[in-house]
């Protein structure tokens, strides 16, 4: 698991990428992914990122047009990311996200 904090500029495309080490035999074939951003871990989901899985890589994406739609008061958010299949669930990342409002990208 990787702990990493990010800045998310509202209205800008945002991606988080996790890769299986090249010397590992593991692949992500048969896995799905989920990554959610919330104000706190026990509160409602603000953003759910779209997963794209390749052989040894998963990319979670939030399109800028989605973040531009949200009128958020809090700028301090948290996220976690998992890969899972029928038999395993693996937390691949957690951290904090600082939302930077970009006033030109929303009403």
PDB file of N, CA and C in Angstrom:
ATOM      1  N   UNK A   1       0.833  -1.173   0.000  1.00  0.00           N
ATOM      2  CA  UNK A   1       0.000   0.000   0.000  1.00  0.00           C
ATOM      3  C   UNK A   1       0.883   1.245   0.000  1.00  0.00           C
ATOM      4  N   UNK A   2       0.431   2.236  -0.734  1.00  0.00           N
ATOM      5  CA  UNK A   2       1.169   3.492  -0.853  1.00  0.00           C
ATOM      6  C   UNK A   2       0.367   4.599  -0.178  1.00  0.00           C
ATOM      7  N   UNK A   3       1.027   5.351   0.707  1.00  0.00           N
ATOM      8  CA  UNK A   3       0.391   6.525   1.300  1.00  0.00           C
ATOM      9  C   UNK A   3       0.962   7.737   0.590  1.00  0.00           C
ATOM     10  N   UNK A   4       0.065   8.503  -0.032  1.00  0.00           N
ATOM     11  CA  UNK A   4       0.522   9.666  -0.786  1.00  0.00           C
ATOM     12  C   UNK A   4      -0.552  10.740  -0.725  1.00  0.00           C
ATOM     13  N   UNK A   5      -0.137  11.979  -0.535  1.00  0.00           N
ATOM     14  CA  UNK A   5      -1.055  13.111  -0.526  1.00  0.00           C
ATOM     15  C   UNK A   5      -0.949  13.853  -1.855  1.00  0.00           C
ATOM     16  N   UNK A   6      -2.086  14.419  -2.302  1.00  0.00           N
ATOM     17  CA  UNK A   6      -2.154  15.080  -3.599  1.00  0.00           C
ATOM     18  C   UNK A   6      -2.825  16.434  -3.482  1.00  0.00           C
ATOM     19  N   UNK A   7      -2.613  17.268  -4.498  1.00  0.00           N
ATOM     20  CA  UNK A   7      -3.420  18.464  -4.725  1.00  0.00           C
ATOM     21  C   UNK A   7      -4.288  18.194  -5.936  1.00  0.00           C
ATOM     22  N   UNK A   8      -5.561  18.515  -5.823  1.00  0.00           N
ATOM     23  CA  UNK A   8      -6.509  18.363  -6.921  1.00  0.00           C
ATOM     24  C   UNK A   8      -6.995  19.747  -7.296  1.00  0.00           C
ATOM     25  N   UNK A   9      -6.635  20.205  -8.488  1.00  0.00           N
ATOM     26  CA  UNK A   9      -7.067  21.508  -8.975  1.00  0.00           C
ATOM     27  C   UNK A   9      -8.432  21.332  -9.616  1.00  0.00           C
ATOM     28  N   UNK A  10      -9.429  21.978  -9.028  1.00  0.00           N
ATOM     29  CA  UNK A  10     -10.795  21.840  -9.491  1.00  0.00           C
ATOM     30  C   UNK A  10     -10.876  22.231 -10.969  1.00  0.00           C
ATOM     31  N   UNK A  11     -11.484  21.351 -11.765  1.00  0.00           N
ATOM     32  CA  UNK A  11     -11.624  21.591 -13.202  1.00  0.00           C
ATOM     33  C   UNK A  11     -10.503  21.002 -14.039  1.00  0.00           C
ATOM     34  N   UNK A  12      -9.505  20.410 -13.427  1.00  0.00           N
ATOM     35  CA  UNK A  12      -8.379  19.811 -14.150  1.00  0.00           C
ATOM     36  C   UNK A  12      -8.466  18.291 -14.048  1.00  0.00           C
ATOM     37  N   UNK A  13      -8.159  17.584 -15.132  1.00  0.00           N
ATOM     38  CA  UNK A  13      -8.126  16.124 -15.079  1.00  0.00           C
ATOM     39  C   UNK A  13      -7.121  15.686 -14.020  1.00  0.00           C
ATOM     40  N   UNK A  14      -7.470  14.612 -13.313  1.00  0.00           N
ATOM     41  CA  UNK A  14      -6.663  14.129 -12.191  1.00  0.00           C
ATOM     42  C   UNK A  14      -6.529  12.623 -12.309  1.00  0.00           C
ATOM     43  N   UNK A  15      -5.314  12.102 -12.125  1.00  0.00           N
ATOM     44  CA  UNK A  15      -5.058  10.666 -12.223  1.00  0.00           C
ATOM     45  C   UNK A  15      -4.154  10.190 -11.096  1.00  0.00           C
ATOM     46  N   UNK A  16      -4.466   8.980 -10.630  1.00  0.00           N
ATOM     47  CA  UNK A  16      -3.598   8.282  -9.690  1.00  0.00           C
ATOM     48  C   UNK A  16      -3.255   6.950 -10.350  1.00  0.00           C
ATOM     49  N   UNK A  17      -1.968   6.627 -10.421  1.00  0.00           N
ATOM     50  CA  UNK A  17      -1.519   5.400 -11.082  1.00  0.00           C
ATOM     51  C   UNK A  17      -0.780   4.527 -10.074  1.00  0.00           C
ATOM     52  N   UNK A  18      -1.155   3.249 -10.050  1.00  0.00           N
ATOM     53  CA  UNK A  18      -0.454   2.253  -9.239  1.00  0.00           C
ATOM     54  C   UNK A  18       0.058   1.177 -10.179  1.00  0.00           C
ATOM     55  N   UNK A  19       1.310   0.761  -9.972  1.00  0.00           N
ATOM     56  CA  UNK A  19       1.919  -0.266 -10.821  1.00  0.00           C
ATOM     57  C   UNK A  19       2.447  -1.410  -9.974  1.00  0.00           C
ATOM     58  N   UNK A  20       2.258  -2.611 -10.486  1.00  0.00           N
ATOM     59  CA  UNK A  20       2.854  -3.796  -9.874  1.00  0.00           C
ATOM     60  C   UNK A  20       4.349  -3.753 -10.196  1.00  0.00           C
ATOM     61  N   UNK A  21       5.221  -4.003  -9.233  1.00  0.00           N
ATOM     62  CA  UNK A  21       6.662  -3.985  -9.523  1.00  0.00           C
ATOM     63  C   UNK A  21       7.006  -4.920 -10.690  1.00  0.00           C
ATOM     64  N   UNK A  22       7.925  -4.496 -11.516  1.00  0.00           N
ATOM     65  CA  UNK A  22       8.268  -5.260 -12.723  1.00  0.00           C
ATOM     66  C   UNK A  22       8.850  -6.638 -12.394  1.00  0.00           C
ATOM     67  N   UNK A  23       9.448  -6.795 -11.220  1.00  0.00           N
ATOM     68  CA  UNK A  23      10.020  -8.092 -10.870  1.00  0.00           C
ATOM     69  C   UNK A  23       8.998  -9.037 -10.214  1.00  0.00           C
ATOM     70  N   UNK A  24       7.737  -8.590 -10.124  1.00  0.00           N
ATOM     71  CA  UNK A  24       6.675  -9.422  -9.548  1.00  0.00           C
ATOM     72  C   UNK A  24       5.973 -10.218 -10.640  1.00  0.00           C
ATOM     73  N   UNK A  25       5.538 -11.441 -10.295  1.00  0.00           N
ATOM     74  CA  UNK A  25       4.769 -12.263 -11.227  1.00  0.00           C
ATOM     75  C   UNK A  25       3.300 -11.861 -11.276  1.00  0.00           C
ATOM     76  N   UNK A  26       2.877 -11.030 -10.347  1.00  0.00           N
ATOM     77  CA  UNK A  26       1.465 -10.645 -10.266  1.00  0.00           C
ATOM     78  C   UNK A  26       1.051  -9.792 -11.456  1.00  0.00           C
ATOM     79  N   UNK A  27      -0.152 -10.053 -11.963  1.00  0.00           N
ATOM     80  CA  UNK A  27      -0.773  -9.172 -12.948  1.00  0.00           C
ATOM     81  C   UNK A  27      -2.131  -8.755 -12.394  1.00  0.00           C
ATOM     82  N   UNK A  28      -2.726  -7.766 -13.002  1.00  0.00           N
ATOM     83  CA  UNK A  28      -4.031  -7.284 -12.554  1.00  0.00           C
ATOM     84  C   UNK A  28      -5.175  -7.868 -13.382  1.00  0.00           C
ATOM     85  N   UNK A  29      -4.862  -8.874 -14.199  1.00  0.00           N
ATOM     86  CA  UNK A  29      -5.905  -9.538 -14.979  1.00  0.00           C
ATOM     87  C   UNK A  29      -6.929 -10.137 -14.020  1.00  0.00           C
ATOM     88  N   UNK A  30      -8.198  -9.885 -14.254  1.00  0.00           N
ATOM     89  CA  UNK A  30      -9.254 -10.403 -13.402  1.00  0.00           C
ATOM     90  C   UNK A  30      -9.579  -9.523 -12.207  1.00  0.00           C
ATOM     91  N   UNK A  31      -8.840  -8.447 -12.017  1.00  0.00           N
ATOM     92  CA  UNK A  31      -9.113  -7.530 -10.913  1.00  0.00           C
ATOM     93  C   UNK A  31      -9.990  -6.370 -11.388  1.00  0.00           C
ATOM     94  N   UNK A  32     -10.684  -5.784 -10.448  1.00  0.00           N
ATOM     95  CA  UNK A  32     -11.398  -4.532 -10.652  1.00  0.00           C
ATOM     96  C   UNK A  32     -10.804  -3.525  -9.688  1.00  0.00           C
ATOM     97  N   UNK A  33     -11.130  -2.263  -9.883  1.00  0.00           N
ATOM     98  CA  UNK A  33     -10.600  -1.239  -8.996  1.00  0.00           C
ATOM     99  C   UNK A  33     -11.671  -0.275  -8.544  1.00  0.00           C
ATOM    100  N   UNK A  34     -11.436   0.325  -7.380  1.00  0.00           N
ATOM    101  CA  UNK A  34     -12.336   1.359  -6.865  1.00  0.00           C
ATOM    102  C   UNK A  34     -11.505   2.379  -6.095  1.00  0.00           C
ATOM    103  N   UNK A  35     -11.801   3.649  -6.337  1.00  0.00           N
ATOM    104  CA  UNK A  35     -11.129   4.741  -5.629  1.00  0.00           C
ATOM    105  C   UNK A  35     -12.166   5.826  -5.383  1.00  0.00           C
ATOM    106  N   UNK A  36     -12.320   6.207  -4.118  1.00  0.00           N
ATOM    107  CA  UNK A  36     -13.326   7.200  -3.748  1.00  0.00           C
ATOM    108  C   UNK A  36     -12.699   8.303  -2.920  1.00  0.00           C
ATOM    109  N   UNK A  37     -13.223   9.506  -3.126  1.00  0.00           N
ATOM    110  CA  UNK A  37     -12.782  10.685  -2.389  1.00  0.00           C
ATOM    111  C   UNK A  37     -13.954  11.151  -1.525  1.00  0.00           C
ATOM    112  N   UNK A  38     -13.659  11.417  -0.266  1.00  0.00           N
ATOM    113  CA  UNK A  38     -14.672  11.863   0.700  1.00  0.00           C
ATOM    114  C   UNK A  38     -14.089  12.992   1.554  1.00  0.00           C
ATOM    115  N   UNK A  39     -14.966  13.659   2.308  1.00  0.00           N
ATOM    116  CA  UNK A  39     -14.474  14.653   3.263  1.00  0.00           C
ATOM    117  C   UNK A  39     -13.772  13.935   4.418  1.00  0.00           C
ATOM    118  N   UNK A  40     -14.414  12.890   4.920  1.00  0.00           N
ATOM    119  CA  UNK A  40     -13.832  12.017   5.944  1.00  0.00           C
ATOM    120  C   UNK A  40     -14.150  10.588   5.541  1.00  0.00           C
ATOM    121  N   UNK A  41     -13.413   9.642   6.082  1.00  0.00           N
ATOM    122  CA  UNK A  41     -13.575   8.247   5.653  1.00  0.00           C
ATOM    123  C   UNK A  41     -14.970   7.692   5.907  1.00  0.00           C
ATOM    124  N   UNK A  42     -15.705   8.261   6.856  1.00  0.00           N
ATOM    125  CA  UNK A  42     -17.035   7.745   7.194  1.00  0.00           C
ATOM    126  C   UNK A  42     -18.168   8.620   6.649  1.00  0.00           C
ATOM    127  N   UNK A  43     -17.860   9.508   5.708  1.00  0.00           N
ATOM    128  CA  UNK A  43     -18.880  10.389   5.138  1.00  0.00           C
ATOM    129  C   UNK A  43     -19.173  10.018   3.689  1.00  0.00           C
ATOM    130  N   UNK A  44     -20.143  10.691   3.121  1.00  0.00           N
ATOM    131  CA  UNK A  44     -20.600  10.395   1.765  1.00  0.00           C
ATOM    132  C   UNK A  44     -19.494  10.597   0.731  1.00  0.00           C
ATOM    133  N   UNK A  45     -19.571   9.837  -0.341  1.00  0.00           N
ATOM    134  CA  UNK A  45     -18.614   9.932  -1.445  1.00  0.00           C
ATOM    135  C   UNK A  45     -18.836  11.258  -2.182  1.00  0.00           C
ATOM    136  N   UNK A  46     -17.750  11.975  -2.419  1.00  0.00           N
ATOM    137  CA  UNK A  46     -17.800  13.218  -3.194  1.00  0.00           C
ATOM    138  C   UNK A  46     -17.462  12.924  -4.647  1.00  0.00           C
ATOM    139  N   UNK A  47     -16.392  12.152  -4.864  1.00  0.00           N
ATOM    140  CA  UNK A  47     -15.979  11.752  -6.204  1.00  0.00           C
ATOM    141  C   UNK A  47     -15.654  10.269  -6.202  1.00  0.00           C
ATOM    142  N   UNK A  48     -16.032   9.574  -7.277  1.00  0.00           N
ATOM    143  CA  UNK A  48     -15.585   8.209  -7.499  1.00  0.00           C
ATOM    144  C   UNK A  48     -14.795   8.205  -8.799  1.00  0.00           C
ATOM    145  N   UNK A  49     -13.538   7.814  -8.722  1.00  0.00           N
ATOM    146  CA  UNK A  49     -12.668   7.850  -9.888  1.00  0.00           C
ATOM    147  C   UNK A  49     -12.894   6.631 -10.762  1.00  0.00           C
ATOM    148  N   UNK A  50     -12.705   6.796 -12.060  1.00  0.00           N
ATOM    149  CA  UNK A  50     -12.890   5.717 -13.028  1.00  0.00           C
ATOM    150  C   UNK A  50     -11.620   4.888 -13.136  1.00  0.00           C
ATOM    151  N   UNK A  51     -11.705   3.559 -12.940  1.00  0.00           N
ATOM    152  CA  UNK A  51     -10.515   2.714 -13.033  1.00  0.00           C
ATOM    153  C   UNK A  51     -10.280   2.219 -14.462  1.00  0.00           C
ATOM    154  N   UNK A  52      -9.032   2.187 -14.856  1.00  0.00           N
ATOM    155  CA  UNK A  52      -8.613   1.561 -16.110  1.00  0.00           C
ATOM    156  C   UNK A  52      -7.494   0.596 -15.750  1.00  0.00           C
ATOM    157  N   UNK A  53      -7.717  -0.688 -16.050  1.00  0.00           N
ATOM    158  CA  UNK A  53      -6.750  -1.712 -15.650  1.00  0.00           C
ATOM    159  C   UNK A  53      -6.028  -2.245 -16.874  1.00  0.00           C
ATOM    160  N   UNK A  54      -4.709  -2.274 -16.762  1.00  0.00           N
ATOM    161  CA  UNK A  54      -3.854  -2.909 -17.753  1.00  0.00           C
ATOM    162  C   UNK A  54      -3.158  -4.075 -17.053  1.00  0.00           C
ATOM    163  N   UNK A  55      -2.260  -4.734 -17.724  1.00  0.00           N
ATOM    164  CA  UNK A  55      -1.607  -5.931 -17.211  1.00  0.00           C
ATOM    165  C   UNK A  55      -1.033  -5.751 -15.814  1.00  0.00           C
ATOM    166  N   UNK A  56      -0.213  -4.720 -15.614  1.00  0.00           N
ATOM    167  CA  UNK A  56       0.449  -4.494 -14.322  1.00  0.00           C
ATOM    168  C   UNK A  56       0.232  -3.071 -13.810  1.00  0.00           C
ATOM    169  N   UNK A  57      -0.836  -2.435 -14.283  1.00  0.00           N
ATOM    170  CA  UNK A  57      -1.070  -1.042 -13.910  1.00  0.00           C
ATOM    171  C   UNK A  57      -2.563  -0.774 -13.793  1.00  0.00           C
ATOM    172  N   UNK A  58      -2.911   0.041 -12.795  1.00  0.00           N
ATOM    173  CA  UNK A  58      -4.270   0.554 -12.703  1.00  0.00           C
ATOM    174  C   UNK A  58      -4.187   2.066 -12.609  1.00  0.00           C
ATOM    175  N   UNK A  59      -5.017   2.729 -13.396  1.00  0.00           N
ATOM    176  CA  UNK A  59      -5.100   4.180 -13.392  1.00  0.00           C
ATOM    177  C   UNK A  59      -6.498   4.573 -12.949  1.00  0.00           C
ATOM    178  N   UNK A  60      -6.579   5.419 -11.942  1.00  0.00           N
ATOM    179  CA  UNK A  60      -7.853   5.973 -11.496  1.00  0.00           C
ATOM    180  C   UNK A  60      -7.931   7.414 -12.007  1.00  0.00           C
ATOM    181  N   UNK A  61      -9.036   7.761 -12.675  1.00  0.00           N
ATOM    182  CA  UNK A  61      -9.157   9.062 -13.324  1.00  0.00           C
ATOM    183  C   UNK A  61     -10.400   9.795 -12.860  1.00  0.00           C
ATOM    184  N   UNK A  62     -10.235  11.090 -12.607  1.00  0.00           N
ATOM    185  CA  UNK A  62     -11.347  11.998 -12.366  1.00  0.00           C
ATOM    186  C   UNK A  62     -11.256  13.086 -13.428  1.00  0.00           C
ATOM    187  N   UNK A  63     -12.279  13.181 -14.261  1.00  0.00           N
ATOM    188  CA  UNK A  63     -12.273  14.195 -15.309  1.00  0.00           C
ATOM    189  C   UNK A  63     -12.501  15.580 -14.712  1.00  0.00           C
ATOM    190  N   UNK A  64     -11.835  16.556 -15.299  1.00  0.00           N
ATOM    191  CA  UNK A  64     -11.940  17.925 -14.809  1.00  0.00           C
ATOM    192  C   UNK A  64     -13.358  18.461 -14.811  1.00  0.00           C
ATOM    193  N   UNK A  65     -14.148  18.058 -15.792  1.00  0.00           N
ATOM    194  CA  UNK A  65     -15.530  18.558 -15.850  1.00  0.00           C
ATOM    195  C   UNK A  65     -16.349  18.065 -14.658  1.00  0.00           C
ATOM    196  N   UNK A  66     -15.981  16.901 -14.101  1.00  0.00           N
ATOM    197  CA  UNK A  66     -16.688  16.384 -12.918  1.00  0.00           C
ATOM    198  C   UNK A  66     -16.328  17.186 -11.669  1.00  0.00           C
ATOM    199  N   UNK A  67     -15.049  17.485 -11.486  1.00  0.00           N
ATOM    200  CA  UNK A  67     -14.659  18.253 -10.293  1.00  0.00           C
ATOM    201  C   UNK A  67     -15.108  19.712 -10.407  1.00  0.00           C
ATOM    202  N   UNK A  68     -15.218  20.241 -11.630  1.00  0.00           N
ATOM    203  CA  UNK A  68     -15.658  21.624 -11.817  1.00  0.00           C
ATOM    204  C   UNK A  68     -17.125  21.806 -11.427  1.00  0.00           C
ATOM    205  N   UNK A  69     -17.920  20.735 -11.521  1.00  0.00           N
ATOM    206  CA  UNK A  69     -19.346  20.815 -11.190  1.00  0.00           C
ATOM    207  C   UNK A  69     -19.603  20.981  -9.700  1.00  0.00           C
ATOM    208  N   UNK A  70     -18.690  20.505  -8.878  1.00  0.00           N
ATOM    209  CA  UNK A  70     -18.907  20.483  -7.428  1.00  0.00           C
ATOM    210  C   UNK A  70     -18.592  21.836  -6.801  1.00  0.00           C
ATOM    211  N   UNK A  71     -19.492  22.290  -5.979  1.00  0.00           N
ATOM    212  CA  UNK A  71     -19.267  23.505  -5.201  1.00  0.00           C
ATOM    213  C   UNK A  71     -18.984  23.056  -3.770  1.00  0.00           C
ATOM    214  N   UNK A  72     -17.722  22.848  -3.461  1.00  0.00           N
ATOM    215  CA  UNK A  72     -17.331  22.286  -2.170  1.00  0.00           C
ATOM    216  C   UNK A  72     -16.845  23.364  -1.218  1.00  0.00           C
ATOM    217  N   UNK A  73     -17.287  23.250   0.020  1.00  0.00           N
ATOM    218  CA  UNK A  73     -16.819  24.169   1.055  1.00  0.00           C
ATOM    219  C   UNK A  73     -15.472  23.701   1.590  1.00  0.00           C
ATOM    220  N   UNK A  74     -15.377  22.405   1.863  1.00  0.00           N
ATOM    221  CA  UNK A  74     -14.145  21.846   2.418  1.00  0.00           C
ATOM    222  C   UNK A  74     -13.093  21.676   1.332  1.00  0.00           C
ATOM    223  N   UNK A  75     -11.879  22.016   1.659  1.00  0.00           N
ATOM    224  CA  UNK A  75     -10.779  21.807   0.728  1.00  0.00           C
ATOM    225  C   UNK A  75      -9.891  20.656   1.177  1.00  0.00           C
ATOM    226  N   UNK A  76     -10.193  20.056   2.319  1.00  0.00           N
ATOM    227  CA  UNK A  76      -9.396  18.947   2.836  1.00  0.00           C
ATOM    228  C   UNK A  76     -10.204  17.664   2.723  1.00  0.00           C
ATOM    229  N   UNK A  77      -9.729  16.766   1.881  1.00  0.00           N
ATOM    230  CA  UNK A  77     -10.437  15.530   1.578  1.00  0.00           C
ATOM    231  C   UNK A  77      -9.516  14.337   1.807  1.00  0.00           C
ATOM    232  N   UNK A  78     -10.090  13.128   1.813  1.00  0.00           N
ATOM    233  CA  UNK A  78      -9.312  11.898   1.927  1.00  0.00           C
ATOM    234  C   UNK A  78      -9.734  10.943   0.821  1.00  0.00           C
ATOM    235  N   UNK A  79      -8.853  10.006   0.490  1.00  0.00           N
ATOM    236  CA  UNK A  79      -9.178   8.999  -0.518  1.00  0.00           C
ATOM    237  C   UNK A  79      -8.594   7.662  -0.101  1.00  0.00           C
ATOM    238  N   UNK A  80      -9.158   6.608  -0.677  1.00  0.00           N
ATOM    239  CA  UNK A  80      -8.511   5.301  -0.627  1.00  0.00           C
ATOM    240  C   UNK A  80      -8.797   4.586  -1.937  1.00  0.00           C
ATOM    241  N   UNK A  81      -7.932   3.649  -2.266  1.00  0.00           N
ATOM    242  CA  UNK A  81      -8.024   2.922  -3.530  1.00  0.00           C
ATOM    243  C   UNK A  81      -7.778   1.443  -3.272  1.00  0.00           C
ATOM    244  N   UNK A  82      -8.587   0.618  -3.931  1.00  0.00           N
ATOM    245  CA  UNK A  82      -8.498  -0.838  -3.783  1.00  0.00           C
ATOM    246  C   UNK A  82      -8.493  -1.498  -5.154  1.00  0.00           C
ATOM    247  N   UNK A  83      -7.859  -2.669  -5.211  1.00  0.00           N
ATOM    248  CA  UNK A  83      -8.095  -3.601  -6.305  1.00  0.00           C
ATOM    249  C   UNK A  83      -8.727  -4.840  -5.673  1.00  0.00           C
ATOM    250  N   UNK A  84      -9.602  -5.499  -6.435  1.00  0.00           N
ATOM    251  CA  UNK A  84     -10.277  -6.661  -5.864  1.00  0.00           C
ATOM    252  C   UNK A  84     -10.734  -7.597  -6.973  1.00  0.00           C
ATOM    253  N   UNK A  85     -10.917  -8.856  -6.582  1.00  0.00           N
ATOM    254  CA  UNK A  85     -11.525  -9.861  -7.447  1.00  0.00           C
ATOM    255  C   UNK A  85     -12.384 -10.754  -6.558  1.00  0.00           C
ATOM    256  N   UNK A  86     -12.766 -11.913  -7.040  1.00  0.00           N
ATOM    257  CA  UNK A  86     -13.659 -12.782  -6.266  1.00  0.00           C
ATOM    258  C   UNK A  86     -13.042 -13.290  -4.963  1.00  0.00           C
ATOM    259  N   UNK A  87     -11.731 -13.346  -4.892  1.00  0.00           N
ATOM    260  CA  UNK A  87     -11.084 -13.933  -3.713  1.00  0.00           C
ATOM    261  C   UNK A  87     -10.197 -12.981  -2.920  1.00  0.00           C
ATOM    262  N   UNK A  88      -9.819 -11.843  -3.485  1.00  0.00           N
ATOM    263  CA  UNK A  88      -8.887 -10.926  -2.815  1.00  0.00           C
ATOM    264  C   UNK A  88      -9.386  -9.489  -2.872  1.00  0.00           C
ATOM    265  N   UNK A  89      -9.038  -8.747  -1.828  1.00  0.00           N
ATOM    266  CA  UNK A  89      -9.246  -7.299  -1.793  1.00  0.00           C
ATOM    267  C   UNK A  89      -7.959  -6.696  -1.249  1.00  0.00           C
ATOM    268  N   UNK A  90      -7.345  -5.803  -2.032  1.00  0.00           N
ATOM    269  CA  UNK A  90      -6.052  -5.245  -1.653  1.00  0.00           C
ATOM    270  C   UNK A  90      -6.145  -3.727  -1.670  1.00  0.00           C
ATOM    271  N   UNK A  91      -5.863  -3.105  -0.520  1.00  0.00           N
ATOM    272  CA  UNK A  91      -5.809  -1.641  -0.483  1.00  0.00           C
ATOM    273  C   UNK A  91      -4.474  -1.228  -1.094  1.00  0.00           C
ATOM    274  N   UNK A  92      -4.534  -0.452  -2.177  1.00  0.00           N
ATOM    275  CA  UNK A  92      -3.305  -0.057  -2.857  1.00  0.00           C
ATOM    276  C   UNK A  92      -2.857   1.354  -2.507  1.00  0.00           C
ATOM    277  N   UNK A  93      -3.772   2.178  -1.986  1.00  0.00           N
ATOM    278  CA  UNK A  93      -3.363   3.530  -1.658  1.00  0.00           C
ATOM    279  C   UNK A  93      -4.344   4.260  -0.768  1.00  0.00           C
ATOM    280  N   UNK A  94      -3.808   5.183   0.020  1.00  0.00           N
ATOM    281  CA  UNK A  94      -4.593   6.079   0.860  1.00  0.00           C
ATOM    282  C   UNK A  94      -3.878   7.412   0.940  1.00  0.00           C
ATOM    283  N   UNK A  95      -4.621   8.430   1.352  1.00  0.00           N
ATOM    284  CA  UNK A  95      -3.971   9.710   1.576  1.00  0.00           C
ATOM    285  C   UNK A  95      -4.955  10.852   1.666  1.00  0.00           C
ATOM    286  N   UNK A  96      -4.398  12.039   1.689  1.00  0.00           N
ATOM    287  CA  UNK A  96      -5.180  13.268   1.768  1.00  0.00           C
ATOM    288  C   UNK A  96      -5.130  13.964   0.416  1.00  0.00           C
ATOM    289  N   UNK A  97      -6.200  14.671   0.120  1.00  0.00           N
ATOM    290  CA  UNK A  97      -6.259  15.477  -1.091  1.00  0.00           C
ATOM    291  C   UNK A  97      -6.643  16.893  -0.692  1.00  0.00           C
ATOM    292  N   UNK A  98      -5.853  17.855  -1.135  1.00  0.00           N
ATOM    293  CA  UNK A  98      -6.178  19.255  -0.939  1.00  0.00           C
ATOM    294  C   UNK A  98      -6.815  19.748  -2.227  1.00  0.00           C
ATOM    295  N   UNK A  99      -8.076  20.176  -2.131  1.00  0.00           N
ATOM    296  CA  UNK A  99      -8.793  20.689  -3.290  1.00  0.00           C
ATOM    297  C   UNK A  99      -8.436  22.156  -3.471  1.00  0.00           C
ATOM    298  N   UNK A 100      -7.932  22.493  -4.639  1.00  0.00           N
ATOM    299  CA  UNK A 100      -7.575  23.877  -4.979  1.00  0.00           C
ATOM    300  C   UNK A 100      -8.674  24.411  -5.888  1.00  0.00           C
ATOM    301  N   UNK A 101      -9.502  25.351  -5.404  1.00  0.00           N
ATOM    302  CA  UNK A 101     -10.559  25.873  -6.270  1.00  0.00           C
ATOM    303  C   UNK A 101      -9.971  26.749  -7.372  1.00  0.00           C
ATOM    304  N   UNK A 102     -10.370  26.449  -8.579  1.00  0.00           N
ATOM    305  CA  UNK A 102      -9.948  27.257  -9.729  1.00  0.00           C
ATOM    306  C   UNK A 102     -11.192  27.953 -10.248  1.00  0.00           C
ATOM    307  N   UNK A 103     -11.333  29.219  -9.910  1.00  0.00           N
ATOM    308  CA  UNK A 103     -12.590  29.924 -10.092  1.00  0.00           C
ATOM    309  C   UNK A 103     -13.014  30.091 -11.542  1.00  0.00           C
ATOM    310  N   UNK A 104     -12.117  29.993 -12.487  1.00  0.00           N
ATOM    311  CA  UNK A 104     -12.487  30.128 -13.895  1.00  0.00           C
ATOM    312  C   UNK A 104     -13.182  28.886 -14.435  1.00  0.00           C
ATOM    313  N   UNK A 105     -13.099  27.761 -13.732  1.00  0.00           N
ATOM    314  CA  UNK A 105     -13.622  26.502 -14.253  1.00  0.00           C
ATOM    315  C   UNK A 105     -15.047  26.193 -13.784  1.00  0.00           C
ATOM    316  N   UNK A 106     -15.665  27.047 -12.976  1.00  0.00           N
ATOM    317  CA  UNK A 106     -17.034  26.789 -12.556  1.00  0.00           C
ATOM    318  C   UNK A 106     -17.771  28.109 -12.394  1.00  0.00           C
ATOM    319  N   UNK A 107     -19.070  28.037 -12.186  1.00  0.00           N
ATOM    320  CA  UNK A 107     -19.934  29.217 -12.105  1.00  0.00           C
ATOM    321  C   UNK A 107     -19.711  29.973 -10.818  1.00  0.00           C
TER     322      UNK A 107
END
